[in-house]
Amino acid sequence: MDEPKLELALQRYQDAVAALDAARTDLEAEAAAVLRSSEATTEDWTHVSQLTGWTEQELRRLVDAAQTVEMP
């Protein structure tokens, strides 16, 4: 067994998972910010849904969660 190669592959995998998690968090925050805006329109919801592939129900949960987190 080539342990150094295995360890390198594991580290690369862990780094990729961390990067993906961070990117998803950023995407969720940006989507919620757009949809929580007082100026958000139905077209904005449709556009965010098309861009992300998330359903309206998923987006509503995301917006609701963002509002809950920001409450004191």
PDB file of N, CA and C in Angstrom:
ATOM      1  N   MET A   1       0.846  -1.174   0.000  1.00  0.00           N
ATOM      2  CA  MET A   1       0.000   0.000   0.000  1.00  0.00           C
ATOM      3  C   MET A   1       0.897   1.244   0.000  1.00  0.00           C
ATOM      4  N   ASP A   2       0.500   2.226  -0.783  1.00  0.00           N
ATOM      5  CA  ASP A   2       1.235   3.486  -0.859  1.00  0.00           C
ATOM      6  C   ASP A   2       0.548   4.485   0.068  1.00  0.00           C
ATOM      7  N   GLU A   3       0.918   4.461   1.336  1.00  0.00           N
ATOM      8  CA  GLU A   3       0.253   5.273   2.349  1.00  0.00           C
ATOM      9  C   GLU A   3       0.363   6.774   2.094  1.00  0.00           C
ATOM     10  N   PRO A   4       1.527   7.295   1.678  1.00  0.00           N
ATOM     11  CA  PRO A   4       1.597   8.740   1.405  1.00  0.00           C
ATOM     12  C   PRO A   4       0.607   9.183   0.316  1.00  0.00           C
ATOM     13  N   LYS A   5       0.440   8.362  -0.725  1.00  0.00           N
ATOM     14  CA  LYS A   5      -0.522   8.706  -1.783  1.00  0.00           C
ATOM     15  C   LYS A   5      -1.942   8.683  -1.235  1.00  0.00           C
ATOM     16  N   LEU A   6      -2.241   7.703  -0.409  1.00  0.00           N
ATOM     17  CA  LEU A   6      -3.564   7.613   0.196  1.00  0.00           C
ATOM     18  C   LEU A   6      -3.835   8.818   1.088  1.00  0.00           C
ATOM     19  N   GLU A   7      -2.849   9.199   1.893  1.00  0.00           N
ATOM     20  CA  GLU A   7      -2.999  10.361   2.765  1.00  0.00           C
ATOM     21  C   GLU A   7      -3.174  11.646   1.965  1.00  0.00           C
ATOM     22  N   LEU A   8      -2.438  11.766   0.863  1.00  0.00           N
ATOM     23  CA  LEU A   8      -2.582  12.939   0.000  1.00  0.00           C
ATOM     24  C   LEU A   8      -3.980  12.986  -0.619  1.00  0.00           C
ATOM     25  N   ALA A   9      -4.447  11.840  -1.093  1.00  0.00           N
ATOM     26  CA  ALA A   9      -5.785  11.787  -1.674  1.00  0.00           C
ATOM     27  C   ALA A   9      -6.838  12.145  -0.635  1.00  0.00           C
ATOM     28  N   LEU A  10      -6.674  11.657   0.573  1.00  0.00           N
ATOM     29  CA  LEU A  10      -7.601  11.985   1.651  1.00  0.00           C
ATOM     30  C   LEU A  10      -7.593  13.472   1.936  1.00  0.00           C
ATOM     31  N   GLN A  11      -6.414  14.076   2.015  1.00  0.00           N
ATOM     32  CA  GLN A  11      -6.323  15.510   2.287  1.00  0.00           C
ATOM     33  C   GLN A  11      -6.972  16.326   1.177  1.00  0.00           C
ATOM     34  N   ARG A  12      -6.730  15.940  -0.061  1.00  0.00           N
ATOM     35  CA  ARG A  12      -7.341  16.644  -1.192  1.00  0.00           C
ATOM     36  C   ARG A  12      -8.861  16.530  -1.133  1.00  0.00           C
ATOM     37  N   TYR A  13      -9.355  15.353  -0.782  1.00  0.00           N
ATOM     38  CA  TYR A  13     -10.797  15.139  -0.654  1.00  0.00           C
ATOM     39  C   TYR A  13     -11.370  16.019   0.454  1.00  0.00           C
ATOM     40  N   GLN A  14     -10.727  16.030   1.615  1.00  0.00           N
ATOM     41  CA  GLN A  14     -11.203  16.837   2.734  1.00  0.00           C
ATOM     42  C   GLN A  14     -11.191  18.323   2.395  1.00  0.00           C
ATOM     43  N   ASP A  15     -10.170  18.756   1.682  1.00  0.00           N
ATOM     44  CA  ASP A  15     -10.101  20.153   1.250  1.00  0.00           C
ATOM     45  C   ASP A  15     -11.243  20.481   0.292  1.00  0.00           C
ATOM     46  N   ALA A  16     -11.537  19.568  -0.620  1.00  0.00           N
ATOM     47  CA  ALA A  16     -12.616  19.778  -1.590  1.00  0.00           C
ATOM     48  C   ALA A  16     -13.976  19.840  -0.894  1.00  0.00           C
ATOM     49  N   VAL A  17     -14.195  18.977   0.073  1.00  0.00           N
ATOM     50  CA  VAL A  17     -15.453  18.984   0.830  1.00  0.00           C
ATOM     51  C   VAL A  17     -15.599  20.301   1.576  1.00  0.00           C
ATOM     52  N   ALA A  18     -14.535  20.765   2.199  1.00  0.00           N
ATOM     53  CA  ALA A  18     -14.573  22.035   2.929  1.00  0.00           C
ATOM     54  C   ALA A  18     -14.861  23.198   1.980  1.00  0.00           C
ATOM     55  N   ALA A  19     -14.245  23.179   0.805  1.00  0.00           N
ATOM     56  CA  ALA A  19     -14.477  24.240  -0.175  1.00  0.00           C
ATOM     57  C   ALA A  19     -15.915  24.210  -0.677  1.00  0.00           C
ATOM     58  N   LEU A  20     -16.440  23.026  -0.915  1.00  0.00           N
ATOM     59  CA  LEU A  20     -17.829  22.890  -1.371  1.00  0.00           C
ATOM     60  C   LEU A  20     -18.792  23.395  -0.298  1.00  0.00           C
ATOM     61  N   ASP A  21     -18.546  23.044   0.946  1.00  0.00           N
ATOM     62  CA  ASP A  21     -19.393  23.516   2.041  1.00  0.00           C
ATOM     63  C   ASP A  21     -19.374  25.043   2.131  1.00  0.00           C
ATOM     64  N   ALA A  22     -18.206  25.627   2.012  1.00  0.00           N
ATOM     65  CA  ALA A  22     -18.080  27.083   2.075  1.00  0.00           C
ATOM     66  C   ALA A  22     -18.801  27.746   0.898  1.00  0.00           C
ATOM     67  N   ALA A  23     -18.674  27.170  -0.281  1.00  0.00           N
ATOM     68  CA  ALA A  23     -19.332  27.730  -1.459  1.00  0.00           C
ATOM     69  C   ALA A  23     -20.849  27.642  -1.323  1.00  0.00           C
ATOM     70  N   ARG A  24     -21.353  26.537  -0.791  1.00  0.00           N
ATOM     71  CA  ARG A  24     -22.797  26.395  -0.606  1.00  0.00           C
ATOM     72  C   ARG A  24     -23.305  27.410   0.419  1.00  0.00           C
ATOM     73  N   THR A  25     -22.560  27.607   1.481  1.00  0.00           N
ATOM     74  CA  THR A  25     -22.941  28.593   2.493  1.00  0.00           C
ATOM     75  C   THR A  25     -23.007  29.987   1.877  1.00  0.00           C
ATOM     76  N   ASP A  26     -22.013  30.328   1.062  1.00  0.00           N
ATOM     77  CA  ASP A  26     -22.015  31.624   0.374  1.00  0.00           C
ATOM     78  C   ASP A  26     -23.212  31.757  -0.556  1.00  0.00           C
ATOM     79  N   LEU A  27     -23.479  30.710  -1.327  1.00  0.00           N
ATOM     80  CA  LEU A  27     -24.601  30.732  -2.267  1.00  0.00           C
ATOM     81  C   LEU A  27     -25.923  30.889  -1.532  1.00  0.00           C
ATOM     82  N   GLU A  28     -26.096  30.155  -0.449  1.00  0.00           N
ATOM     83  CA  GLU A  28     -27.322  30.262   0.332  1.00  0.00           C
ATOM     84  C   GLU A  28     -27.493  31.664   0.894  1.00  0.00           C
ATOM     85  N   ALA A  29     -26.418  32.241   1.395  1.00  0.00           N
ATOM     86  CA  ALA A  29     -26.490  33.588   1.958  1.00  0.00           C
ATOM     87  C   ALA A  29     -26.850  34.620   0.893  1.00  0.00           C
ATOM     88  N   GLU A  30     -26.241  34.510  -0.265  1.00  0.00           N
ATOM     89  CA  GLU A  30     -26.528  35.460  -1.346  1.00  0.00           C
ATOM     90  C   GLU A  30     -27.954  35.298  -1.859  1.00  0.00           C
ATOM     91  N   ALA A  31     -28.403  34.069  -2.021  1.00  0.00           N
ATOM     92  CA  ALA A  31     -29.772  33.822  -2.486  1.00  0.00           C
ATOM     93  C   ALA A  31     -30.773  34.365  -1.478  1.00  0.00           C
ATOM     94  N   ALA A  32     -30.542  34.106  -0.197  1.00  0.00           N
ATOM     95  CA  ALA A  32     -31.451  34.603   0.832  1.00  0.00           C
ATOM     96  C   ALA A  32     -31.475  36.122   0.842  1.00  0.00           C
ATOM     97  N   ALA A  33     -30.324  36.741   0.680  1.00  0.00           N
ATOM     98  CA  ALA A  33     -30.262  38.208   0.674  1.00  0.00           C
ATOM     99  C   ALA A  33     -31.082  38.787  -0.477  1.00  0.00           C
ATOM    100  N   VAL A  34     -30.965  38.178  -1.641  1.00  0.00           N
ATOM    101  CA  VAL A  34     -31.735  38.656  -2.795  1.00  0.00           C
ATOM    102  C   VAL A  34     -33.228  38.508  -2.527  1.00  0.00           C
ATOM    103  N   LEU A  35     -33.628  37.364  -2.010  1.00  0.00           N
ATOM    104  CA  LEU A  35     -35.051  37.076  -1.850  1.00  0.00           C
ATOM    105  C   LEU A  35     -35.669  37.783  -0.647  1.00  0.00           C
ATOM    106  N   ARG A  36     -34.852  38.169   0.324  1.00  0.00           N
ATOM    107  CA  ARG A  36     -35.371  38.875   1.496  1.00  0.00           C
ATOM    108  C   ARG A  36     -35.501  40.369   1.246  1.00  0.00           C
ATOM    109  N   SER A  37     -34.933  40.840   0.175  1.00  0.00           N
ATOM    110  CA  SER A  37     -34.992  42.261  -0.144  1.00  0.00           C
ATOM    111  C   SER A  37     -36.446  42.706  -0.288  1.00  0.00           C
ATOM    112  N   SER A  38     -36.723  43.910   0.185  1.00  0.00           N
ATOM    113  CA  SER A  38     -38.086  44.447   0.054  1.00  0.00           C
ATOM    114  C   SER A  38     -38.448  44.673  -1.407  1.00  0.00           C
ATOM    115  N   GLU A  39     -37.443  44.696  -2.258  1.00  0.00           N
ATOM    116  CA  GLU A  39     -37.677  44.904  -3.693  1.00  0.00           C
ATOM    117  C   GLU A  39     -37.744  43.598  -4.482  1.00  0.00           C
ATOM    118  N   ALA A  40     -37.650  42.444  -3.808  1.00  0.00           N
ATOM    119  CA  ALA A  40     -37.662  41.150  -4.506  1.00  0.00           C
ATOM    120  C   ALA A  40     -39.013  40.943  -5.183  1.00  0.00           C
ATOM    121  N   THR A  41     -38.944  40.500  -6.418  1.00  0.00           N
ATOM    122  CA  THR A  41     -40.152  40.259  -7.200  1.00  0.00           C
ATOM    123  C   THR A  41     -40.316  38.767  -7.468  1.00  0.00           C
ATOM    124  N   THR A  42     -41.452  38.413  -8.014  1.00  0.00           N
ATOM    125  CA  THR A  42     -41.691  37.027  -8.417  1.00  0.00           C
ATOM    126  C   THR A  42     -40.640  36.588  -9.423  1.00  0.00           C
ATOM    127  N   GLU A  43     -40.242  37.500 -10.289  1.00  0.00           N
ATOM    128  CA  GLU A  43     -39.221  37.184 -11.277  1.00  0.00           C
ATOM    129  C   GLU A  43     -37.880  36.874 -10.607  1.00  0.00           C
ATOM    130  N   ASP A  44     -37.574  37.579  -9.517  1.00  0.00           N
ATOM    131  CA  ASP A  44     -36.339  37.298  -8.773  1.00  0.00           C
ATOM    132  C   ASP A  44     -36.368  35.876  -8.219  1.00  0.00           C
ATOM    133  N   TRP A  45     -37.503  35.490  -7.650  1.00  0.00           N
ATOM    134  CA  TRP A  45     -37.644  34.133  -7.115  1.00  0.00           C
ATOM    135  C   TRP A  45     -37.458  33.101  -8.222  1.00  0.00           C
ATOM    136  N   THR A  46     -38.069  33.361  -9.359  1.00  0.00           N
ATOM    137  CA  THR A  46     -37.953  32.448 -10.497  1.00  0.00           C
ATOM    138  C   THR A  46     -36.511  32.367 -10.978  1.00  0.00           C
ATOM    139  N   HIS A  47     -35.857  33.498 -11.066  1.00  0.00           N
ATOM    140  CA  HIS A  47     -34.476  33.540 -11.554  1.00  0.00           C
ATOM    141  C   HIS A  47     -33.529  32.806 -10.595  1.00  0.00           C
ATOM    142  N   VAL A  48     -33.676  33.052  -9.299  1.00  0.00           N
ATOM    143  CA  VAL A  48     -32.832  32.368  -8.319  1.00  0.00           C
ATOM    144  C   VAL A  48     -33.083  30.860  -8.380  1.00  0.00           C
ATOM    145  N   SER A  49     -34.327  30.473  -8.527  1.00  0.00           N
ATOM    146  CA  SER A  49     -34.665  29.053  -8.640  1.00  0.00           C
ATOM    147  C   SER A  49     -34.015  28.430  -9.867  1.00  0.00           C
ATOM    148  N   GLN A  50     -34.067  29.128 -10.982  1.00  0.00           N
ATOM    149  CA  GLN A  50     -33.460  28.618 -12.217  1.00  0.00           C
ATOM    150  C   GLN A  50     -31.943  28.519 -12.087  1.00  0.00           C
ATOM    151  N   LEU A  51     -31.332  29.517 -11.495  1.00  0.00           N
ATOM    152  CA  LEU A  51     -29.875  29.516 -11.349  1.00  0.00           C
ATOM    153  C   LEU A  51     -29.386  28.405 -10.421  1.00  0.00           C
ATOM    154  N   THR A  52     -30.089  28.213  -9.316  1.00  0.00           N
ATOM    155  CA  THR A  52     -29.630  27.268  -8.304  1.00  0.00           C
ATOM    156  C   THR A  52     -30.160  25.859  -8.493  1.00  0.00           C
ATOM    157  N   GLY A  53     -31.303  25.747  -9.160  1.00  0.00           N
ATOM    158  CA  GLY A  53     -31.955  24.447  -9.285  1.00  0.00           C
ATOM    159  C   GLY A  53     -32.780  24.095  -8.053  1.00  0.00           C
ATOM    160  N   TRP A  54     -32.919  25.055  -7.136  1.00  0.00           N
ATOM    161  CA  TRP A  54     -33.692  24.833  -5.922  1.00  0.00           C
ATOM    162  C   TRP A  54     -35.144  25.188  -6.169  1.00  0.00           C
ATOM    163  N   THR A  55     -36.043  24.423  -5.569  1.00  0.00           N
ATOM    164  CA  THR A  55     -37.474  24.682  -5.731  1.00  0.00           C
ATOM    165  C   THR A  55     -37.875  25.907  -4.914  1.00  0.00           C
ATOM    166  N   GLU A  56     -39.075  26.403  -5.193  1.00  0.00           N
ATOM    167  CA  GLU A  56     -39.585  27.535  -4.422  1.00  0.00           C
ATOM    168  C   GLU A  56     -39.702  27.157  -2.946  1.00  0.00           C
ATOM    169  N   GLN A  57     -40.104  25.930  -2.675  1.00  0.00           N
ATOM    170  CA  GLN A  57     -40.217  25.477  -1.289  1.00  0.00           C
ATOM    171  C   GLN A  57     -38.844  25.491  -0.594  1.00  0.00           C
ATOM    172  N   GLU A  58     -37.815  25.029  -1.287  1.00  0.00           N
ATOM    173  CA  GLU A  58     -36.460  25.061  -0.720  1.00  0.00           C
ATOM    174  C   GLU A  58     -36.008  26.496  -0.471  1.00  0.00           C
ATOM    175  N   LEU A  59     -36.335  27.383  -1.399  1.00  0.00           N
ATOM    176  CA  LEU A  59     -35.954  28.784  -1.242  1.00  0.00           C
ATOM    177  C   LEU A  59     -36.690  29.421  -0.068  1.00  0.00           C
ATOM    178  N   ARG A  60     -37.962  29.090   0.095  1.00  0.00           N
ATOM    179  CA  ARG A  60     -38.725  29.634   1.229  1.00  0.00           C
ATOM    180  C   ARG A  60     -38.137  29.170   2.561  1.00  0.00           C
ATOM    181  N   ARG A  61     -37.735  27.880   2.624  1.00  0.00           N
ATOM    182  CA  ARG A  61     -37.098  27.378   3.847  1.00  0.00           C
ATOM    183  C   ARG A  61     -35.786  28.114   4.106  1.00  0.00           C
ATOM    184  N   LEU A  62     -35.048  28.368   3.038  1.00  0.00           N
ATOM    185  CA  LEU A  62     -33.773  29.085   3.159  1.00  0.00           C
ATOM    186  C   LEU A  62     -33.991  30.500   3.692  1.00  0.00           C
ATOM    187  N   VAL A  63     -34.965  31.201   3.144  1.00  0.00           N
ATOM    188  CA  VAL A  63     -35.273  32.561   3.583  1.00  0.00           C
ATOM    189  C   VAL A  63     -35.772  32.546   5.028  1.00  0.00           C
ATOM    190  N   ASP A  64     -36.647  31.610   5.355  1.00  0.00           N
ATOM    191  CA  ASP A  64     -37.146  31.501   6.730  1.00  0.00           C
ATOM    192  C   ASP A  64     -36.004  31.232   7.707  1.00  0.00           C
ATOM    193  N   ALA A  65     -35.101  30.346   7.338  1.00  0.00           N
ATOM    194  CA  ALA A  65     -33.954  30.029   8.201  1.00  0.00           C
ATOM    195  C   ALA A  65     -33.057  31.249   8.373  1.00  0.00           C
ATOM    196  N   ALA A  66     -32.861  32.008   7.315  1.00  0.00           N
ATOM    197  CA  ALA A  66     -32.018  33.206   7.388  1.00  0.00           C
ATOM    198  C   ALA A  66     -32.650  34.234   8.318  1.00  0.00           C
ATOM    199  N   GLN A  67     -33.959  34.360   8.283  1.00  0.00           N
ATOM    200  CA  GLN A  67     -34.642  35.308   9.167  1.00  0.00           C
ATOM    201  C   GLN A  67     -34.540  34.854  10.613  1.00  0.00           C
ATOM    202  N   THR A  68     -34.637  33.561  10.849  1.00  0.00           N
ATOM    203  CA  THR A  68     -34.550  33.014  12.203  1.00  0.00           C
ATOM    204  C   THR A  68     -33.161  33.229  12.795  1.00  0.00           C
ATOM    205  N   VAL A  69     -32.133  33.034  11.988  1.00  0.00           N
ATOM    206  CA  VAL A  69     -30.747  33.177  12.456  1.00  0.00           C
ATOM    207  C   VAL A  69     -30.459  34.623  12.834  1.00  0.00           C
ATOM    208  N   GLU A  70     -31.034  35.568  12.117  1.00  0.00           N
ATOM    209  CA  GLU A  70     -30.738  36.975  12.362  1.00  0.00           C
ATOM    210  C   GLU A  70     -31.546  37.567  13.498  1.00  0.00           C
ATOM    211  N   MET A  71     -32.527  36.842  14.009  1.00  0.00           N
ATOM    212  CA  MET A  71     -33.316  37.349  15.130  1.00  0.00           C
ATOM    213  C   MET A  71     -32.513  37.229  16.416  1.00  0.00           C
ATOM    214  N   PRO A  72     -32.602  38.234  17.293  1.00  0.00           N
ATOM    215  CA  PRO A  72     -31.850  38.155  18.552  1.00  0.00           C
ATOM    216  C   PRO A  72     -32.452  37.134  19.507  1.00  0.00           C
TER     217      PRO A  72
END
